[in-house]
C-alpha atoms as a PDB file:
ATOM      1  CA  UNK A   1      88.347 -37.135   3.244  1.00  0.00           C
ATOM      2  CA  UNK A   2      86.036 -35.537   0.710  1.00  0.00           C
ATOM      3  CA  UNK A   3      82.866 -37.341  -0.400  1.00  0.00           C
ATOM      4  CA  UNK A   4      84.111 -37.915  -3.960  1.00  0.00           C
ATOM      5  CA  UNK A   5      87.366 -39.392  -2.609  1.00  0.00           C
ATOM      6  CA  UNK A   6      85.423 -41.785  -0.378  1.00  0.00           C
ATOM      7  CA  UNK A   7      83.182 -42.720  -3.297  1.00  0.00           C
ATOM      8  CA  UNK A   8      86.192 -43.512  -5.480  1.00  0.00           C
ATOM      9  CA  UNK A   9      87.750 -45.431  -2.603  1.00  0.00           C
ATOM     10  CA  UNK A  10      84.663 -47.619  -2.189  1.00  0.00           C
ATOM     11  CA  UNK A  11      84.648 -48.344  -5.928  1.00  0.00           C
ATOM     12  CA  UNK A  12      88.295 -49.315  -5.689  1.00  0.00           C
ATOM     13  CA  UNK A  13      87.549 -51.732  -2.825  1.00  0.00           C
ATOM     14  CA  UNK A  14      84.690 -53.285  -4.816  1.00  0.00           C
ATOM     15  CA  UNK A  15      86.836 -53.689  -7.925  1.00  0.00           C
ATOM     16  CA  UNK A  16      89.652 -55.278  -5.942  1.00  0.00           C
ATOM     17  CA  UNK A  17      87.641 -57.557  -3.633  1.00  0.00           C
ATOM     18  CA  UNK A  18      84.440 -58.123  -5.704  1.00  0.00           C
ATOM     19  CA  UNK A  19      82.462 -57.953  -2.434  1.00  0.00           C
ATOM     20  CA  UNK A  20      82.373 -55.373   0.366  1.00  0.00           C
ATOM     21  CA  UNK A  21      80.716 -55.060   3.771  1.00  0.00           C
ATOM     22  CA  UNK A  22      79.098 -51.899   5.114  1.00  0.00           C
ATOM     23  CA  UNK A  23      80.577 -52.269   8.603  1.00  0.00           C
ATOM     24  CA  UNK A  24      84.136 -52.707   7.277  1.00  0.00           C
ATOM     25  CA  UNK A  25      83.848 -49.755   4.867  1.00  0.00           C
ATOM     26  CA  UNK A  26      82.507 -47.528   7.643  1.00  0.00           C
ATOM     27  CA  UNK A  27      85.629 -48.227   9.701  1.00  0.00           C
ATOM     28  CA  UNK A  28      87.963 -47.917   6.708  1.00  0.00           C
ATOM     29  CA  UNK A  29      86.610 -44.511   5.653  1.00  0.00           C
ATOM     30  CA  UNK A  30      85.715 -43.310   9.176  1.00  0.00           C
ATOM     31  CA  UNK A  31      82.072 -42.535   8.411  1.00  0.00           C
ATOM     32  CA  UNK A  32      78.721 -43.906   9.557  1.00  0.00           C
ATOM     33  CA  UNK A  33      77.259 -47.079   8.120  1.00  0.00           C
ATOM     34  CA  UNK A  34      74.321 -45.024   6.842  1.00  0.00           C
ATOM     35  CA  UNK A  35      76.733 -42.934   4.740  1.00  0.00           C
ATOM     36  CA  UNK A  36      78.201 -46.095   3.236  1.00  0.00           C
ATOM     37  CA  UNK A  37      74.734 -47.466   2.501  1.00  0.00           C
ATOM     38  CA  UNK A  38      73.840 -44.254   0.643  1.00  0.00           C
ATOM     39  CA  UNK A  39      77.026 -44.508  -1.424  1.00  0.00           C
ATOM     40  CA  UNK A  40      76.306 -48.146  -2.291  1.00  0.00           C
ATOM     41  CA  UNK A  41      72.715 -47.294  -3.184  1.00  0.00           C
ATOM     42  CA  UNK A  42      73.996 -44.655  -5.626  1.00  0.00           C
ATOM     43  CA  UNK A  43      76.469 -47.150  -7.125  1.00  0.00           C
ATOM     44  CA  UNK A  44      73.703 -49.714  -7.550  1.00  0.00           C
ATOM     45  CA  UNK A  45      71.635 -47.172  -9.501  1.00  0.00           C
ATOM     46  CA  UNK A  46      74.672 -46.622 -11.734  1.00  0.00           C
ATOM     47  CA  UNK A  47      74.799 -50.387 -12.341  1.00  0.00           C
ATOM     48  CA  UNK A  48      78.210 -50.723 -10.688  1.00  0.00           C
ATOM     49  CA  UNK A  49      77.169 -53.104  -7.906  1.00  0.00           C
ATOM     50  CA  UNK A  50      74.295 -55.089  -6.417  1.00  0.00           C
ATOM     51  CA  UNK A  51      73.456 -54.487  -2.787  1.00  0.00           C
ATOM     52  CA  UNK A  52      72.868 -57.361  -0.403  1.00  0.00           C
ATOM     53  CA  UNK A  53      72.177 -57.480   3.309  1.00  0.00           C
ATOM     54  CA  UNK A  54      75.216 -55.948   5.009  1.00  0.00           C
ATOM     55  CA  UNK A  55      77.167 -55.127   1.861  1.00  0.00           C
ATOM     56  CA  UNK A  56      77.343 -55.307  -1.927  1.00  0.00           C
ATOM     57  CA  UNK A  57      78.773 -57.322  -4.848  1.00  0.00           C
ATOM     58  CA  UNK A  58      80.570 -55.941  -7.865  1.00  0.00           C
ATOM     59  CA  UNK A  59      78.486 -56.457 -10.998  1.00  0.00           C
ATOM     60  CA  UNK A  60      80.240 -58.743 -13.488  1.00  0.00           C
ATOM     61  CA  UNK A  61      79.107 -60.504 -16.657  1.00  0.00           C
ATOM     62  CA  UNK A  62      78.367 -64.210 -16.252  1.00  0.00           C
ATOM     63  CA  UNK A  63      80.309 -65.008 -19.432  1.00  0.00           C
ATOM     64  CA  UNK A  64      83.369 -63.056 -18.308  1.00  0.00           C
ATOM     65  CA  UNK A  65      86.544 -65.138 -18.451  1.00  0.00           C
ATOM     66  CA  UNK A  66      89.987 -64.525 -17.026  1.00  0.00           C
ATOM     67  CA  UNK A  67      92.887 -65.986 -18.998  1.00  0.00           C
ATOM     68  CA  UNK A  68      94.776 -68.941 -17.530  1.00  0.00           C
ATOM     69  CA  UNK A  69      97.975 -66.900 -17.230  1.00  0.00           C
ATOM     70  CA  UNK A  70      96.154 -64.284 -15.176  1.00  0.00           C
ATOM     71  CA  UNK A  71      94.250 -66.860 -13.086  1.00  0.00           C
ATOM     72  CA  UNK A  72      97.466 -68.684 -12.290  1.00  0.00           C
ATOM     73  CA  UNK A  73      98.872 -65.572 -10.580  1.00  0.00           C
ATOM     74  CA  UNK A  74      95.829 -64.978  -8.360  1.00  0.00           C
ATOM     75  CA  UNK A  75      95.437 -66.271  -4.789  1.00  0.00           C
ATOM     76  CA  UNK A  76      98.528 -68.482  -4.993  1.00  0.00           C
ATOM     77  CA  UNK A  77      98.770 -68.948  -1.225  1.00  0.00           C
ATOM     78  CA  UNK A  78      95.100 -69.925  -1.033  1.00  0.00           C
ATOM     79  CA  UNK A  79      95.431 -72.455  -3.872  1.00  0.00           C
ATOM     80  CA  UNK A  80      98.396 -74.147  -2.222  1.00  0.00           C
ATOM     81  CA  UNK A  81      96.487 -74.311   1.059  1.00  0.00           C
ATOM     82  CA  UNK A  82      93.541 -75.956  -0.712  1.00  0.00           C
ATOM     83  CA  UNK A  83      95.907 -78.386  -2.448  1.00  0.00           C
ATOM     84  CA  UNK A  84      97.336 -79.523   0.883  1.00  0.00           C
ATOM     85  CA  UNK A  85      93.825 -80.096   2.225  1.00  0.00           C
ATOM     86  CA  UNK A  86      92.852 -82.124  -0.843  1.00  0.00           C
ATOM     87  CA  UNK A  87      95.952 -84.320  -0.536  1.00  0.00           C
ATOM     88  CA  UNK A  88      94.536 -85.748   2.711  1.00  0.00           C
ATOM     89  CA  UNK A  89      91.529 -87.045   0.752  1.00  0.00           C
ATOM     90  CA  UNK A  90      93.639 -88.983  -1.778  1.00  0.00           C
ATOM     91  CA  UNK A  91      95.294 -92.346  -1.144  1.00  0.00           C
ATOM     92  CA  UNK A  92      98.340 -93.913  -2.769  1.00  0.00           C
ATOM     93  CA  UNK A  93      97.259 -95.864  -5.845  1.00  0.00           C
ATOM     94  CA  UNK A  94      94.125 -93.789  -6.524  1.00  0.00           C
ATOM     95  CA  UNK A  95      92.933 -92.979 -10.035  1.00  0.00           C
ATOM     96  CA  UNK A  96      91.941 -89.347 -10.609  1.00  0.00           C
ATOM     97  CA  UNK A  97      90.586 -87.018 -13.229  1.00  0.00           C
ATOM     98  CA  UNK A  98      91.634 -83.383 -12.834  1.00  0.00           C
ATOM     99  CA  UNK A  99      90.403 -80.441 -14.874  1.00  0.00           C
ATOM    100  CA  UNK A 100      92.385 -77.504 -16.296  1.00  0.00           C
ATOM    101  CA  UNK A 101      91.692 -75.086 -13.420  1.00  0.00           C
ATOM    102  CA  UNK A 102      94.637 -73.301 -11.805  1.00  0.00           C
ATOM    103  CA  UNK A 103      93.606 -74.706  -8.419  1.00  0.00           C
ATOM    104  CA  UNK A 104      93.515 -78.182  -9.952  1.00  0.00           C
ATOM    105  CA  UNK A 105      97.093 -77.635 -11.130  1.00  0.00           C
ATOM    106  CA  UNK A 106      98.127 -76.709  -7.581  1.00  0.00           C
ATOM    107  CA  UNK A 107      96.518 -79.954  -6.372  1.00  0.00           C
ATOM    108  CA  UNK A 108      98.428 -82.032  -8.943  1.00  0.00           C
ATOM    109  CA  UNK A 109     101.710 -80.419  -7.879  1.00  0.00           C
ATOM    110  CA  UNK A 110     100.971 -81.275  -4.246  1.00  0.00           C
ATOM    111  CA  UNK A 111      99.939 -84.855  -5.037  1.00  0.00           C
ATOM    112  CA  UNK A 112     103.155 -85.403  -6.983  1.00  0.00           C
ATOM    113  CA  UNK A 113     105.051 -84.574  -3.789  1.00  0.00           C
ATOM    114  CA  UNK A 114     102.835 -86.397  -1.298  1.00  0.00           C
ATOM    115  CA  UNK A 115     101.426 -89.534  -2.973  1.00  0.00           C
ATOM    116  CA  UNK A 116     102.629 -92.612  -4.837  1.00  0.00           C
ATOM    117  CA  UNK A 117     101.332 -94.703  -7.716  1.00  0.00           C
ATOM    118  CA  UNK A 118      98.609 -92.317  -8.845  1.00  0.00           C
ATOM    119  CA  UNK A 119      96.941 -92.427 -12.257  1.00  0.00           C
ATOM    120  CA  UNK A 120      95.884 -88.908 -13.292  1.00  0.00           C
ATOM    121  CA  UNK A 121      93.745 -88.240 -16.351  1.00  0.00           C
ATOM    122  CA  UNK A 122      93.674 -84.536 -17.222  1.00  0.00           C
ATOM    123  CA  UNK A 123      92.889 -82.028 -19.955  1.00  0.00           C
ATOM    124  CA  UNK A 124      95.286 -79.477 -18.437  1.00  0.00           C
ATOM    125  CA  UNK A 125      98.282 -78.626 -20.616  1.00  0.00           C
ATOM    126  CA  UNK A 126     100.143 -77.273 -17.593  1.00  0.00           C
ATOM    127  CA  UNK A 127      99.524 -80.421 -15.531  1.00  0.00           C
ATOM    128  CA  UNK A 128     100.703 -82.600 -18.431  1.00  0.00           C
ATOM    129  CA  UNK A 129     104.020 -80.721 -18.435  1.00  0.00           C
ATOM    130  CA  UNK A 130     104.830 -82.588 -15.207  1.00  0.00           C
ATOM    131  CA  UNK A 131     104.897 -85.799 -17.229  1.00  0.00           C
ATOM    132  CA  UNK A 132     104.721 -89.373 -15.969  1.00  0.00           C
ATOM    133  CA  UNK A 133     107.197 -90.630 -13.361  1.00  0.00           C
ATOM    134  CA  UNK A 134     107.964 -93.921 -11.650  1.00  0.00           C
ATOM    135  CA  UNK A 135     105.375 -93.006  -9.018  1.00  0.00           C
ATOM    136  CA  UNK A 136     102.769 -91.172 -11.060  1.00  0.00           C
ATOM    137  CA  UNK A 137     101.106 -91.993 -14.380  1.00  0.00           C
ATOM    138  CA  UNK A 138      99.765 -89.025 -16.320  1.00  0.00           C
ATOM    139  CA  UNK A 139      97.208 -89.544 -19.118  1.00  0.00           C
ATOM    140  CA  UNK A 140      96.199 -86.801 -21.568  1.00  0.00           C
ATOM    141  CA  UNK A 141      92.612 -86.510 -22.743  1.00  0.00           C
ATOM    142  CA  UNK A 142      93.862 -85.210 -26.067  1.00  0.00           C
ATOM    143  CA  UNK A 143      91.577 -82.844 -27.917  1.00  0.00           C
ATOM    144  CA  UNK A 144      91.567 -79.321 -29.279  1.00  0.00           C
ATOM    145  CA  UNK A 145      93.818 -76.861 -27.445  1.00  0.00           C
ATOM    146  CA  UNK A 146      91.943 -73.880 -26.046  1.00  0.00           C
ATOM    147  CA  UNK A 147      94.819 -71.388 -25.557  1.00  0.00           C
ATOM    148  CA  UNK A 148      92.825 -69.009 -23.360  1.00  0.00           C
ATOM    149  CA  UNK A 149      92.346 -71.660 -20.667  1.00  0.00           C
ATOM    150  CA  UNK A 150      95.309 -73.955 -21.527  1.00  0.00           C
ATOM    151  CA  UNK A 151      92.761 -76.781 -21.719  1.00  0.00           C
ATOM    152  CA  UNK A 152      92.085 -79.620 -24.148  1.00  0.00           C
ATOM    153  CA  UNK A 153      88.432 -79.747 -25.191  1.00  0.00           C
ATOM    154  CA  UNK A 154      86.139 -81.045 -27.903  1.00  0.00           C
ATOM    155  CA  UNK A 155      85.015 -84.510 -29.104  1.00  0.00           C
ATOM    156  CA  UNK A 156      88.438 -86.148 -28.753  1.00  0.00           C
ATOM    157  CA  UNK A 157      88.768 -85.083 -25.119  1.00  0.00           C
ATOM    158  CA  UNK A 158      85.222 -86.251 -24.355  1.00  0.00           C
ATOM    159  CA  UNK A 159      85.761 -89.634 -26.053  1.00  0.00           C
ATOM    160  CA  UNK A 160      88.911 -90.230 -24.004  1.00  0.00           C
ATOM    161  CA  UNK A 161      87.264 -89.356 -20.673  1.00  0.00           C
ATOM    162  CA  UNK A 162      84.446 -91.805 -21.498  1.00  0.00           C
ATOM    163  CA  UNK A 163      86.960 -94.677 -21.565  1.00  0.00           C
ATOM    164  CA  UNK A 164      88.031 -94.284 -17.935  1.00  0.00           C
ATOM    165  CA  UNK A 165      86.310 -94.958 -14.630  1.00  0.00           C
ATOM    166  CA  UNK A 166      88.184 -93.171 -11.852  1.00  0.00           C
ATOM    167  CA  UNK A 167      88.068 -93.019  -8.069  1.00  0.00           C
ATOM    168  CA  UNK A 168      87.892 -89.236  -7.784  1.00  0.00           C
ATOM    169  CA  UNK A 169      87.259 -86.139  -9.892  1.00  0.00           C
ATOM    170  CA  UNK A 170      88.938 -82.917  -8.743  1.00  0.00           C
ATOM    171  CA  UNK A 171      87.386 -79.856 -10.352  1.00  0.00           C
ATOM    172  CA  UNK A 172      87.685 -76.110 -10.037  1.00  0.00           C
ATOM    173  CA  UNK A 173      84.920 -73.702 -11.036  1.00  0.00           C
ATOM    174  CA  UNK A 174      84.102 -70.077 -11.751  1.00  0.00           C
ATOM    175  CA  UNK A 175      81.333 -69.695  -9.177  1.00  0.00           C
ATOM    176  CA  UNK A 176      79.629 -71.363  -6.204  1.00  0.00           C
ATOM    177  CA  UNK A 177      76.183 -70.423  -4.913  1.00  0.00           C
ATOM    178  CA  UNK A 178      73.546 -72.312  -2.958  1.00  0.00           C
ATOM    179  CA  UNK A 179      70.859 -71.484  -5.492  1.00  0.00           C
ATOM    180  CA  UNK A 180      72.727 -72.169  -8.768  1.00  0.00           C
ATOM    181  CA  UNK A 181      75.345 -74.632  -7.521  1.00  0.00           C
ATOM    182  CA  UNK A 182      78.619 -74.887  -9.443  1.00  0.00           C
ATOM    183  CA  UNK A 183      78.872 -72.687 -12.530  1.00  0.00           C
ATOM    184  CA  UNK A 184      81.320 -72.286 -15.420  1.00  0.00           C
ATOM    185  CA  UNK A 185      81.927 -69.450 -17.875  1.00  0.00           C
ATOM    186  CA  UNK A 186      82.702 -71.506 -20.994  1.00  0.00           C
ATOM    187  CA  UNK A 187      80.675 -74.271 -22.610  1.00  0.00           C
ATOM    188  CA  UNK A 188      83.704 -76.131 -24.056  1.00  0.00           C
ATOM    189  CA  UNK A 189      85.307 -76.629 -20.636  1.00  0.00           C
ATOM    190  CA  UNK A 190      81.911 -77.270 -19.014  1.00  0.00           C
ATOM    191  CA  UNK A 191      81.228 -80.146 -21.452  1.00  0.00           C
ATOM    192  CA  UNK A 192      84.424 -81.942 -20.475  1.00  0.00           C
ATOM    193  CA  UNK A 193      83.853 -81.326 -16.766  1.00  0.00           C
ATOM    194  CA  UNK A 194      80.335 -82.776 -16.867  1.00  0.00           C
ATOM    195  CA  UNK A 195      81.734 -86.036 -18.242  1.00  0.00           C
ATOM    196  CA  UNK A 196      84.570 -86.055 -15.711  1.00  0.00           C
ATOM    197  CA  UNK A 197      81.934 -85.881 -12.965  1.00  0.00           C
ATOM    198  CA  UNK A 198      80.003 -88.758 -14.491  1.00  0.00           C
ATOM    199  CA  UNK A 199      83.055 -91.028 -14.731  1.00  0.00           C
ATOM    200  CA  UNK A 200      84.144 -90.570 -11.093  1.00  0.00           C
ATOM    201  CA  UNK A 201      82.951 -92.351  -7.958  1.00  0.00           C
ATOM    202  CA  UNK A 202      83.680 -89.318  -5.785  1.00  0.00           C
ATOM    203  CA  UNK A 203      83.672 -85.586  -6.524  1.00  0.00           C
ATOM    204  CA  UNK A 204      85.899 -82.944  -4.924  1.00  0.00           C
ATOM    205  CA  UNK A 205      85.238 -79.316  -5.884  1.00  0.00           C
ATOM    206  CA  UNK A 206      88.034 -76.871  -5.090  1.00  0.00           C
ATOM    207  CA  UNK A 207      87.119 -73.187  -4.783  1.00  0.00           C
ATOM    208  CA  UNK A 208      88.913 -70.350  -3.045  1.00  0.00           C
ATOM    209  CA  UNK A 209      86.851 -67.816  -1.102  1.00  0.00           C
ATOM    210  CA  UNK A 210      86.537 -65.460  -4.114  1.00  0.00           C
ATOM    211  CA  UNK A 211      84.384 -68.038  -5.949  1.00  0.00           C
ATOM    212  CA  UNK A 212      81.663 -68.074  -3.287  1.00  0.00           C
ATOM    213  CA  UNK A 213      78.474 -66.174  -4.218  1.00  0.00           C
ATOM    214  CA  UNK A 214      79.690 -65.771  -7.804  1.00  0.00           C
ATOM    215  CA  UNK A 215      77.580 -66.959 -10.750  1.00  0.00           C
ATOM    216  CA  UNK A 216      79.036 -67.803 -14.174  1.00  0.00           C
ATOM    217  CA  UNK A 217      77.239 -68.435 -17.466  1.00  0.00           C
ATOM    218  CA  UNK A 218      76.874 -72.236 -17.474  1.00  0.00           C
ATOM    219  CA  UNK A 219      75.232 -74.379 -14.784  1.00  0.00           C
ATOM    220  CA  UNK A 220      77.544 -77.334 -14.114  1.00  0.00           C
ATOM    221  CA  UNK A 221      75.832 -79.212 -11.283  1.00  0.00           C
ATOM    222  CA  UNK A 222      73.855 -78.663  -8.060  1.00  0.00           C
ATOM    223  CA  UNK A 223      75.853 -78.473  -4.852  1.00  0.00           C
ATOM    224  CA  UNK A 224      74.031 -81.505  -3.453  1.00  0.00           C
ATOM    225  CA  UNK A 225      75.907 -83.686  -5.964  1.00  0.00           C
ATOM    226  CA  UNK A 226      79.287 -82.806  -4.443  1.00  0.00           C
ATOM    227  CA  UNK A 227      81.017 -85.061  -1.933  1.00  0.00           C
ATOM    228  CA  UNK A 228      83.674 -82.569  -0.796  1.00  0.00           C
ATOM    229  CA  UNK A 229      83.874 -78.785  -1.112  1.00  0.00           C
ATOM    230  CA  UNK A 230      87.382 -77.587  -0.275  1.00  0.00           C
ATOM    231  CA  UNK A 231      88.147 -73.895   0.250  1.00  0.00           C
ATOM    232  CA  UNK A 232      90.749 -71.734   1.963  1.00  0.00           C
ATOM    233  CA  UNK A 233      88.794 -70.070   4.758  1.00  0.00           C
ATOM    234  CA  UNK A 234      85.741 -70.648   6.913  1.00  0.00           C
ATOM    235  CA  UNK A 235      82.565 -69.616   5.037  1.00  0.00           C
ATOM    236  CA  UNK A 236      79.554 -67.995   6.674  1.00  0.00           C
ATOM    237  CA  UNK A 237      77.307 -69.844   9.119  1.00  0.00           C
ATOM    238  CA  UNK A 238      74.710 -70.029   6.348  1.00  0.00           C
ATOM    239  CA  UNK A 239      77.146 -72.113   4.307  1.00  0.00           C
ATOM    240  CA  UNK A 240      78.024 -74.312   7.270  1.00  0.00           C
ATOM    241  CA  UNK A 241      74.338 -75.095   7.809  1.00  0.00           C
ATOM    242  CA  UNK A 242      73.654 -75.666   4.094  1.00  0.00           C
ATOM    243  CA  UNK A 243      76.544 -78.083   3.573  1.00  0.00           C
ATOM    244  CA  UNK A 244      75.703 -80.006   6.747  1.00  0.00           C
ATOM    245  CA  UNK A 245      72.035 -80.349   5.753  1.00  0.00           C
ATOM    246  CA  UNK A 246      73.008 -81.528   2.251  1.00  0.00           C
ATOM    247  CA  UNK A 247      75.679 -83.972   3.474  1.00  0.00           C
ATOM    248  CA  UNK A 248      78.516 -82.130   1.738  1.00  0.00           C
ATOM    249  CA  UNK A 249      81.796 -82.359   3.569  1.00  0.00           C
ATOM    250  CA  UNK A 250      83.075 -78.784   3.766  1.00  0.00           C
ATOM    251  CA  UNK A 251      86.827 -78.558   4.311  1.00  0.00           C
ATOM    252  CA  UNK A 252      88.698 -75.312   5.026  1.00  0.00           C
END
C-alpha cells in the first residue's frame, strides 16, 4: 500500500469511527506504530484530528447536530441493548420523564413491552406516536415543535414539566466526558432536559459508546449528579474507577 493510500485510509477510519487507536491502525495497515503516529501528527497539523495518548479523535464542532432521522438509524443494536438494560431499573407503576433522544425512544419501546401501569411524560413526538394504552399512560409536554430533533420545546413544554414530580428521568445526550460531564448541542432541548432532571428523584443517562469522550456546545450537568449511566459496552478502566469513586452506577 502506498503512503497516500494509507493516509486516506486512516482519514476514512477517523471519519467513520470518530476515534482511532495507533495499535489497531498499525495492524490494519501493516505498518509500524511510529508510522501511524507520524500520519496522525500530520493530520493534527491540518486540523483534521486531535491526538491523544494511544490514538486520536476526529475534530468536530461542538454545535454540530445530526438530524433525528439520521440519529434514529445509527447504532440501532446498541440502543436496543441499552433499552433492555434500562428496563431492569424501572418498576411497574413508575412515573417517568423521557427526552426526545433516539435512545430514549428505544427505551420507551422496550418499557411498553416489559412494564405495566407506567406514566410517561415526554417531549418526543416519536414516543407520543405510541399513544396511551390500558397499561401505559403517555403525557405530552406540549410546546413548539422542533422538526430537526422531533422534540417539543419552549415555554409551554417547560411549564408542563414543572407540574410533574416523577420517579425517574431517562435522558440521552450528545457527549459524555469526565471533565465536562453531560453535554448537549442545542439550547432549546437542553433547557427542557435541565428541568426534567430537576423534577425527577432519580436520573438515568443513556449513552452508547460513541458518546464517550465527545463534547457538545452546552453543559447540561456534571457526571456526579447522575445515578445511573447506561451504555452498550465496557468503558475503559479509567471510567470504571471514576464512576466508582463518584458513586455512579455504571451499567453495560
